[in-house]
N, C-alpha and C. Protein backbone atom coordinates (compact mmCIF):
# COMPACT_ATOMS: atom_id res chain seq x y z
N MET A 1 75.39 118.96 186.96
CA MET A 1 74.27 118.12 187.24
C MET A 1 73.25 118.90 188.13
N ALA A 2 72.07 118.96 187.68
CA ALA A 2 70.99 119.71 188.32
C ALA A 2 70.40 118.84 189.43
N ILE A 3 69.99 119.53 190.48
CA ILE A 3 69.26 118.87 191.59
C ILE A 3 67.78 119.06 191.46
N ASN A 4 67.06 117.98 191.42
CA ASN A 4 65.61 118.00 191.30
C ASN A 4 64.93 117.83 192.68
N VAL A 5 63.96 118.65 192.94
CA VAL A 5 63.20 118.53 194.17
C VAL A 5 61.89 118.09 193.89
N LYS A 6 61.48 116.96 194.57
CA LYS A 6 60.20 116.39 194.43
C LYS A 6 59.25 116.75 195.54
N VAL A 7 58.15 117.38 195.23
CA VAL A 7 57.25 117.80 196.27
C VAL A 7 56.16 116.73 196.39
N VAL A 8 55.95 116.28 197.67
CA VAL A 8 54.99 115.17 197.91
C VAL A 8 53.82 115.84 198.69
N GLU A 9 52.64 115.60 198.15
CA GLU A 9 51.45 116.12 198.84
C GLU A 9 51.00 115.10 199.82
N ARG A 10 50.84 115.54 201.06
CA ARG A 10 50.34 114.70 202.13
C ARG A 10 48.97 115.13 202.66
N PRO A 11 48.12 114.24 202.97
CA PRO A 11 46.81 114.64 203.56
C PRO A 11 47.00 115.30 204.92
N ILE A 12 46.25 116.29 205.21
CA ILE A 12 46.38 117.05 206.49
C ILE A 12 46.13 116.17 207.66
N GLU A 13 45.29 115.08 207.58
CA GLU A 13 45.06 114.22 208.77
C GLU A 13 46.26 113.41 209.11
N GLU A 14 47.19 113.19 208.26
CA GLU A 14 48.42 112.41 208.57
C GLU A 14 49.52 113.27 209.12
N THR A 15 49.49 114.61 208.82
CA THR A 15 50.60 115.47 209.17
C THR A 15 50.24 116.51 210.20
N SER A 16 49.03 116.48 210.69
CA SER A 16 48.63 117.57 211.65
C SER A 16 49.13 117.24 213.02
N TYR A 17 50.11 118.03 213.47
CA TYR A 17 50.65 117.89 214.84
C TYR A 17 49.73 118.38 215.89
N VAL A 18 48.90 119.27 215.50
CA VAL A 18 47.91 119.79 216.47
C VAL A 18 46.88 118.68 216.81
N ARG A 19 46.44 117.98 215.74
CA ARG A 19 45.47 116.88 215.99
C ARG A 19 46.17 115.79 216.90
N ALA A 20 47.36 115.43 216.59
CA ALA A 20 48.03 114.35 217.43
C ALA A 20 48.24 114.88 218.86
N THR A 21 48.53 116.16 219.07
CA THR A 21 48.70 116.68 220.41
C THR A 21 47.38 116.60 221.15
N LEU A 22 46.32 117.06 220.47
CA LEU A 22 44.98 117.07 221.12
C LEU A 22 44.59 115.62 221.42
N LYS A 23 44.84 114.60 220.57
CA LYS A 23 44.50 113.27 220.89
C LYS A 23 45.26 112.77 222.12
N GLY A 24 46.56 113.14 222.17
CA GLY A 24 47.37 112.69 223.37
C GLY A 24 46.88 113.37 224.60
N MET A 25 46.47 114.61 224.59
CA MET A 25 45.97 115.29 225.74
C MET A 25 44.59 114.73 226.23
N ALA A 26 43.85 114.38 225.23
CA ALA A 26 42.52 113.74 225.54
C ALA A 26 42.70 112.40 226.17
N ASN A 27 43.64 111.66 225.73
CA ASN A 27 43.95 110.31 226.33
C ASN A 27 44.48 110.50 227.77
N THR A 28 45.29 111.52 227.98
CA THR A 28 45.80 111.81 229.38
C THR A 28 44.66 112.17 230.24
N LEU A 29 43.77 113.10 229.76
CA LEU A 29 42.65 113.59 230.57
C LEU A 29 41.65 112.40 230.90
N LYS A 30 41.54 111.49 229.98
CA LYS A 30 40.63 110.36 230.16
C LYS A 30 41.17 109.47 231.33
N HIS A 31 42.46 109.20 231.33
CA HIS A 31 43.05 108.37 232.38
C HIS A 31 43.16 109.13 233.67
N LEU A 32 43.29 110.41 233.56
CA LEU A 32 43.35 111.29 234.82
C LEU A 32 42.06 111.31 235.61
N VAL A 33 40.91 111.45 234.84
CA VAL A 33 39.66 111.62 235.42
C VAL A 33 38.94 110.29 235.60
N GLY A 34 38.87 109.48 234.57
CA GLY A 34 38.02 108.34 234.66
C GLY A 34 38.73 107.01 234.92
N GLY A 35 40.06 106.98 234.82
CA GLY A 35 40.82 105.73 234.99
C GLY A 35 40.86 105.20 236.43
N HIS A 36 41.18 103.95 236.54
CA HIS A 36 41.30 103.37 237.89
C HIS A 36 42.73 103.63 238.41
N ARG A 37 42.88 103.68 239.69
CA ARG A 37 44.14 103.92 240.33
C ARG A 37 44.97 102.70 240.35
N VAL A 38 46.24 102.82 240.03
CA VAL A 38 47.17 101.62 240.11
C VAL A 38 48.22 101.86 241.12
N THR A 39 48.24 102.91 241.84
CA THR A 39 49.22 103.19 242.83
C THR A 39 48.99 102.23 244.04
N THR A 40 50.09 101.59 244.54
CA THR A 40 50.04 100.78 245.71
C THR A 40 50.63 101.51 246.86
N GLN A 41 49.91 101.57 247.98
CA GLN A 41 50.48 102.23 249.13
C GLN A 41 51.41 101.23 249.83
N TYR A 42 52.72 101.30 249.49
CA TYR A 42 53.62 100.23 249.76
C TYR A 42 53.66 99.67 251.13
N PRO A 43 54.05 100.38 252.14
CA PRO A 43 54.19 99.66 253.43
C PRO A 43 52.95 98.96 253.92
N GLU A 44 51.81 99.52 253.62
CA GLU A 44 50.50 99.06 254.13
C GLU A 44 50.05 97.93 253.22
N GLN A 45 50.10 98.19 251.90
CA GLN A 45 49.62 97.16 250.88
C GLN A 45 50.84 96.58 250.20
N ARG A 46 50.92 95.28 250.21
CA ARG A 46 51.98 94.62 249.47
C ARG A 46 51.38 93.65 248.48
N GLU A 47 51.87 93.75 247.25
CA GLU A 47 51.33 92.84 246.28
C GLU A 47 52.14 91.54 246.39
N SER A 48 51.43 90.47 246.10
CA SER A 48 52.08 89.15 246.24
C SER A 48 53.06 89.02 245.12
N ILE A 49 54.17 88.34 245.46
CA ILE A 49 55.24 88.11 244.45
C ILE A 49 55.18 86.62 244.12
N SER A 50 55.83 86.31 243.01
CA SER A 50 55.79 84.90 242.52
C SER A 50 56.53 83.98 243.49
N ARG A 51 56.16 82.75 243.52
CA ARG A 51 56.81 81.73 244.34
C ARG A 51 58.23 81.52 243.83
N ARG A 52 58.51 81.86 242.58
CA ARG A 52 59.84 81.61 242.01
C ARG A 52 60.66 82.90 242.09
N TRP A 53 60.26 83.90 242.82
CA TRP A 53 61.09 85.10 242.97
C TRP A 53 62.38 84.80 243.57
N ARG A 54 63.47 85.28 243.05
CA ARG A 54 64.78 85.01 243.57
C ARG A 54 65.35 86.25 244.25
N GLY A 55 65.31 86.18 245.58
CA GLY A 55 65.78 87.37 246.41
C GLY A 55 67.06 86.99 247.15
N THR A 56 67.24 87.46 248.38
CA THR A 56 68.44 87.25 249.11
C THR A 56 68.58 85.81 249.49
N HIS A 57 69.79 85.40 249.75
CA HIS A 57 70.17 84.02 249.99
C HIS A 57 69.79 83.58 251.40
N ARG A 58 69.71 82.30 251.52
CA ARG A 58 69.35 81.73 252.89
C ARG A 58 70.07 80.33 252.95
N MET A 59 70.75 80.04 254.07
CA MET A 59 71.42 78.75 254.30
C MET A 59 70.56 77.94 255.18
N LEU A 60 70.14 76.78 254.70
CA LEU A 60 69.35 75.90 255.50
C LEU A 60 70.21 75.15 256.53
N THR A 61 69.63 74.82 257.69
CA THR A 61 70.38 74.23 258.73
C THR A 61 69.83 72.80 259.05
N THR A 62 70.62 72.01 259.69
CA THR A 62 70.22 70.68 260.09
C THR A 62 69.43 70.85 261.44
N GLU A 63 69.03 69.72 262.02
CA GLU A 63 68.25 69.73 263.27
C GLU A 63 69.04 70.27 264.44
N ASP A 64 70.34 70.03 264.40
CA ASP A 64 71.17 70.51 265.50
C ASP A 64 71.70 71.93 265.35
N GLY A 65 71.21 72.60 264.27
CA GLY A 65 71.59 74.08 264.10
C GLY A 65 72.79 74.30 263.30
N LYS A 66 73.42 73.28 262.68
CA LYS A 66 74.57 73.55 261.82
C LYS A 66 74.16 73.68 260.37
N ALA A 67 74.98 74.33 259.65
CA ALA A 67 74.68 74.51 258.28
C ALA A 67 74.75 73.19 257.42
N LYS A 68 73.79 73.06 256.57
CA LYS A 68 73.71 71.77 255.70
C LYS A 68 74.83 71.72 254.74
N CYS A 69 75.58 72.79 254.57
CA CYS A 69 76.67 72.92 253.49
C CYS A 69 77.79 71.93 253.86
N VAL A 70 78.24 71.18 252.83
CA VAL A 70 79.40 70.27 252.99
C VAL A 70 80.61 70.82 252.36
N ALA A 71 80.61 72.10 251.97
CA ALA A 71 81.81 72.80 251.40
C ALA A 71 82.36 72.00 250.17
N CYS A 72 81.48 71.64 249.28
CA CYS A 72 81.92 70.87 248.12
C CYS A 72 82.58 71.78 247.12
N GLY A 73 82.28 73.10 247.09
CA GLY A 73 82.88 74.03 246.21
C GLY A 73 82.17 74.20 244.87
N LEU A 74 80.97 73.60 244.76
CA LEU A 74 80.24 73.74 243.50
C LEU A 74 79.66 75.12 243.28
N CYS A 75 79.16 75.74 244.34
CA CYS A 75 78.52 77.01 244.19
C CYS A 75 79.47 78.11 243.84
N PRO A 76 80.68 78.24 244.37
CA PRO A 76 81.54 79.31 243.85
C PRO A 76 82.10 78.99 242.50
N THR A 77 82.08 77.73 242.14
CA THR A 77 82.59 77.38 240.80
C THR A 77 81.58 77.74 239.70
N VAL A 78 80.33 77.52 239.98
CA VAL A 78 79.27 77.73 238.97
C VAL A 78 78.75 79.24 238.96
N CYS A 79 79.15 80.00 239.92
CA CYS A 79 78.63 81.41 240.08
C CYS A 79 79.21 82.25 239.03
N PRO A 80 78.40 82.83 238.07
CA PRO A 80 78.90 83.67 236.98
C PRO A 80 79.40 85.00 237.52
N ALA A 81 78.88 85.50 238.61
CA ALA A 81 79.27 86.80 239.18
C ALA A 81 80.48 86.72 240.07
N ASN A 82 80.95 85.53 240.43
CA ASN A 82 82.03 85.28 241.34
C ASN A 82 81.78 86.03 242.70
N CYS A 83 80.60 85.86 243.21
CA CYS A 83 80.33 86.51 244.44
C CYS A 83 80.32 85.65 245.71
N ILE A 84 80.62 84.42 245.54
CA ILE A 84 80.65 83.46 246.67
C ILE A 84 82.03 83.11 247.07
N LYS A 85 82.41 83.32 248.33
CA LYS A 85 83.74 82.96 248.83
C LYS A 85 83.52 81.79 249.79
N LEU A 86 84.21 80.68 249.55
CA LEU A 86 84.08 79.51 250.30
C LEU A 86 85.50 78.96 250.67
N VAL A 87 85.65 78.76 251.98
CA VAL A 87 86.88 78.14 252.53
C VAL A 87 86.45 76.86 253.24
N PRO A 88 86.78 75.69 252.68
CA PRO A 88 86.32 74.42 253.36
C PRO A 88 87.20 74.04 254.51
N GLY A 89 86.59 73.35 255.44
CA GLY A 89 87.28 72.81 256.59
C GLY A 89 86.83 71.39 256.86
N GLU A 90 87.59 70.70 257.68
CA GLU A 90 87.27 69.28 257.92
C GLU A 90 87.40 69.02 259.42
N ASP A 91 86.44 68.32 260.04
CA ASP A 91 86.56 68.05 261.41
C ASP A 91 87.31 66.66 261.59
N GLU A 92 87.40 66.20 262.90
CA GLU A 92 88.23 64.94 263.13
C GLU A 92 87.54 63.72 262.65
N GLN A 93 86.22 63.77 262.40
CA GLN A 93 85.53 62.62 261.85
C GLN A 93 85.61 62.58 260.29
N GLY A 94 86.16 63.62 259.69
CA GLY A 94 86.30 63.61 258.22
C GLY A 94 85.16 64.32 257.58
N ASN A 95 84.25 64.92 258.34
CA ASN A 95 83.10 65.65 257.76
C ASN A 95 83.52 67.07 257.32
N ARG A 96 83.14 67.39 256.14
CA ARG A 96 83.55 68.74 255.63
C ARG A 96 82.47 69.76 256.02
N TYR A 97 82.94 70.98 256.25
CA TYR A 97 82.04 72.07 256.59
C TYR A 97 82.68 73.39 256.16
N PRO A 98 81.97 74.43 255.97
CA PRO A 98 82.59 75.66 255.54
C PRO A 98 83.15 76.43 256.74
N LEU A 99 84.45 76.77 256.59
CA LEU A 99 85.07 77.66 257.61
C LEU A 99 84.59 79.09 257.33
N VAL A 100 84.62 79.46 256.04
CA VAL A 100 84.15 80.80 255.63
C VAL A 100 83.24 80.63 254.44
N PHE A 101 82.05 81.22 254.55
CA PHE A 101 81.04 81.14 253.42
C PHE A 101 80.47 82.52 253.38
N ASP A 102 80.88 83.34 252.39
CA ASP A 102 80.37 84.71 252.27
C ASP A 102 79.76 84.83 250.88
N ILE A 103 78.72 85.60 250.85
CA ILE A 103 78.06 85.93 249.56
C ILE A 103 77.88 87.48 249.49
N ASP A 104 78.51 88.04 248.50
CA ASP A 104 78.41 89.45 248.23
C ASP A 104 77.12 89.75 247.42
N GLU A 105 76.11 90.18 248.13
CA GLU A 105 74.82 90.43 247.50
C GLU A 105 74.87 91.57 246.46
N PHE A 106 75.87 92.45 246.61
CA PHE A 106 75.99 93.54 245.61
C PHE A 106 76.47 92.99 244.28
N ARG A 107 77.31 91.98 244.26
CA ARG A 107 77.80 91.39 243.03
C ARG A 107 76.91 90.32 242.46
N CYS A 108 76.02 89.78 243.36
CA CYS A 108 75.16 88.66 242.88
C CYS A 108 74.14 89.17 241.83
N ILE A 109 73.91 88.26 240.87
CA ILE A 109 72.94 88.60 239.86
C ILE A 109 71.67 87.73 240.04
N PHE A 110 71.62 87.02 241.14
CA PHE A 110 70.41 86.27 241.55
C PHE A 110 69.95 85.32 240.45
N CYS A 111 70.90 84.61 239.91
CA CYS A 111 70.60 83.68 238.82
C CYS A 111 70.00 82.32 239.35
N GLY A 112 70.39 81.95 240.55
CA GLY A 112 69.86 80.74 241.13
C GLY A 112 70.72 79.51 240.82
N TYR A 113 71.88 79.70 240.18
CA TYR A 113 72.75 78.55 239.87
C TYR A 113 73.25 77.91 241.13
N CYS A 114 73.56 78.69 242.16
CA CYS A 114 74.12 78.08 243.40
C CYS A 114 73.01 77.19 244.04
N GLN A 115 71.78 77.54 243.91
CA GLN A 115 70.67 76.72 244.48
C GLN A 115 70.53 75.41 243.60
N GLU A 116 70.61 75.55 242.28
CA GLU A 116 70.46 74.39 241.50
C GLU A 116 71.61 73.39 241.63
N VAL A 117 72.81 73.79 241.82
CA VAL A 117 73.90 72.91 241.81
C VAL A 117 74.22 72.28 243.15
N CYS A 118 73.65 72.78 244.21
CA CYS A 118 73.98 72.30 245.61
C CYS A 118 73.46 70.86 245.75
N PRO A 119 74.35 69.94 246.04
CA PRO A 119 73.96 68.56 246.22
C PRO A 119 73.21 68.31 247.50
N GLU A 120 73.38 69.15 248.50
CA GLU A 120 72.77 68.97 249.84
C GLU A 120 71.51 69.87 249.93
N GLU A 121 71.21 70.66 248.93
CA GLU A 121 70.17 71.61 248.99
C GLU A 121 70.28 72.48 250.26
N ALA A 122 71.47 73.04 250.45
CA ALA A 122 71.79 73.82 251.61
C ALA A 122 71.50 75.32 251.32
N ILE A 123 72.03 75.82 250.19
CA ILE A 123 71.82 77.23 249.87
C ILE A 123 70.57 77.42 249.02
N HIS A 124 69.81 78.40 249.38
CA HIS A 124 68.58 78.71 248.63
C HIS A 124 68.48 80.21 248.49
N LEU A 125 67.84 80.61 247.39
CA LEU A 125 67.50 82.01 247.24
C LEU A 125 66.18 82.16 247.85
N GLY A 126 65.99 83.17 248.71
CA GLY A 126 64.77 83.36 249.39
C GLY A 126 63.85 84.34 248.61
N ARG A 127 62.72 84.61 249.17
CA ARG A 127 61.75 85.51 248.56
C ARG A 127 61.76 86.86 249.22
N HIS A 128 62.90 87.22 249.83
CA HIS A 128 63.03 88.49 250.52
C HIS A 128 63.63 89.46 249.57
N TYR A 129 63.00 90.64 249.42
CA TYR A 129 63.52 91.64 248.51
C TYR A 129 63.77 92.99 249.11
N GLU A 130 63.46 93.21 250.33
CA GLU A 130 63.63 94.53 250.91
C GLU A 130 65.08 94.63 251.53
N ASN A 131 66.07 94.93 250.74
CA ASN A 131 67.45 95.05 251.22
C ASN A 131 67.83 96.47 251.26
N ALA A 132 68.08 96.99 252.46
CA ALA A 132 68.53 98.33 252.65
C ALA A 132 69.64 98.37 253.67
N GLU A 133 70.75 98.91 253.28
CA GLU A 133 71.89 99.02 254.19
C GLU A 133 72.48 100.41 254.08
N PHE A 134 73.23 100.79 255.10
CA PHE A 134 73.83 102.08 255.06
C PHE A 134 75.24 102.08 254.53
N ASN A 135 75.87 100.87 254.37
CA ASN A 135 77.21 100.80 253.80
C ASN A 135 77.27 99.51 253.04
N ARG A 136 78.37 99.40 252.21
CA ARG A 136 78.54 98.32 251.35
C ARG A 136 78.80 97.01 252.06
N GLU A 137 79.45 97.12 253.21
CA GLU A 137 79.75 95.91 254.00
C GLU A 137 78.54 95.20 254.57
N GLY A 138 77.37 95.86 254.60
CA GLY A 138 76.15 95.24 255.01
C GLY A 138 75.56 94.32 254.04
N PHE A 139 76.05 94.35 252.75
CA PHE A 139 75.55 93.50 251.73
C PHE A 139 76.40 92.17 251.58
N ILE A 140 77.36 92.01 252.48
CA ILE A 140 78.15 90.74 252.44
C ILE A 140 77.57 89.89 253.51
N TYR A 141 76.99 88.80 253.08
CA TYR A 141 76.33 87.88 253.99
C TYR A 141 77.23 86.78 254.37
N ASP A 142 77.62 86.68 255.71
CA ASP A 142 78.46 85.64 256.11
C ASP A 142 77.60 84.41 256.53
N LEU A 143 78.24 83.33 256.96
CA LEU A 143 77.56 82.08 257.21
C LEU A 143 76.50 82.26 258.34
N GLU A 144 76.83 83.02 259.40
CA GLU A 144 75.93 83.21 260.49
C GLU A 144 74.68 84.00 260.04
N ARG A 145 74.89 85.03 259.26
CA ARG A 145 73.76 85.76 258.72
C ARG A 145 72.93 85.02 257.80
N LEU A 146 73.53 84.15 256.94
CA LEU A 146 72.77 83.32 255.99
C LEU A 146 71.91 82.32 256.78
N MET A 147 72.44 81.78 257.85
CA MET A 147 71.70 80.78 258.66
C MET A 147 70.60 81.46 259.46
N ALA A 148 70.70 82.74 259.79
CA ALA A 148 69.74 83.44 260.54
C ALA A 148 68.51 83.91 259.73
N GLN A 149 68.61 83.85 258.40
CA GLN A 149 67.49 84.25 257.55
C GLN A 149 66.29 83.30 257.78
N THR A 150 65.12 83.91 257.88
CA THR A 150 63.95 83.02 258.06
C THR A 150 62.87 83.17 257.03
N HIS A 151 63.13 83.96 256.00
CA HIS A 151 62.09 84.21 254.95
C HIS A 151 61.95 82.88 254.10
N PRO A 152 60.75 82.74 253.49
CA PRO A 152 60.52 81.55 252.68
C PRO A 152 61.53 81.46 251.48
N VAL A 153 61.78 80.29 251.04
CA VAL A 153 62.75 80.04 250.00
C VAL A 153 62.04 79.98 248.66
N THR A 154 62.82 80.17 247.65
CA THR A 154 62.29 80.15 246.26
C THR A 154 61.96 78.74 245.84
N GLU A 155 60.82 78.60 245.16
CA GLU A 155 60.46 77.30 244.57
C GLU A 155 60.92 77.24 243.11
N MET A 156 61.85 76.41 242.85
CA MET A 156 62.37 76.40 241.47
C MET A 156 61.31 75.72 240.55
N TRP A 157 61.45 75.95 239.30
CA TRP A 157 60.51 75.48 238.32
C TRP A 157 60.58 73.93 238.25
N ASP A 158 59.39 73.29 238.26
CA ASP A 158 59.27 71.91 238.19
C ASP A 158 58.92 71.44 236.75
N PRO A 159 59.79 70.69 236.10
CA PRO A 159 59.44 70.32 234.70
C PRO A 159 58.22 69.52 234.64
N ALA A 160 57.77 68.84 235.69
CA ALA A 160 56.60 68.03 235.68
C ALA A 160 55.33 68.91 235.60
N ASP A 161 55.49 70.17 235.95
CA ASP A 161 54.30 71.07 235.95
C ASP A 161 54.07 71.59 234.56
N PRO A 162 52.95 71.24 233.89
CA PRO A 162 52.79 71.62 232.48
C PRO A 162 52.71 73.10 232.32
N LYS A 163 52.20 73.87 233.30
CA LYS A 163 52.03 75.32 233.04
C LYS A 163 53.34 76.01 233.41
N GLY A 164 54.26 75.43 234.08
CA GLY A 164 55.48 76.04 234.43
C GLY A 164 55.27 77.05 235.49
N GLU A 165 54.39 76.88 236.41
CA GLU A 165 54.14 77.85 237.49
C GLU A 165 54.72 77.35 238.73
């Protein structure tokens, strides 16, 4: 069986690598010289983030300074990353409260399920995103650290808002 070779003629403007290279370099030069700057000088200039940005967690407190959490166990149950550790306790009046409430921010995927499922609206994802620690243990937020957070909380999507903003 013989092998046939078919030669296809292509126009030079479609196959010229020199032309494509020169067009790319011209585009680069255009943006280098005449384009506007998009670099943000970060610590001095901060761009606004969305009201729905999901950052580090925050535990809301009551008027007397206690956590609003009633240790119902819904947040560790619904968490897909299994990053919430909750040990419930009960006082002499029968009120439930968390003995241990830890969130491993390294494992968290910031989905917001814990905020959505909380019946007391105690746990919220905040709008804080500057997380820097020197060791892995710094990313485990215990109850005291969660209650000490003061950044604004995430506003979840309201179905009544037609634009979804």
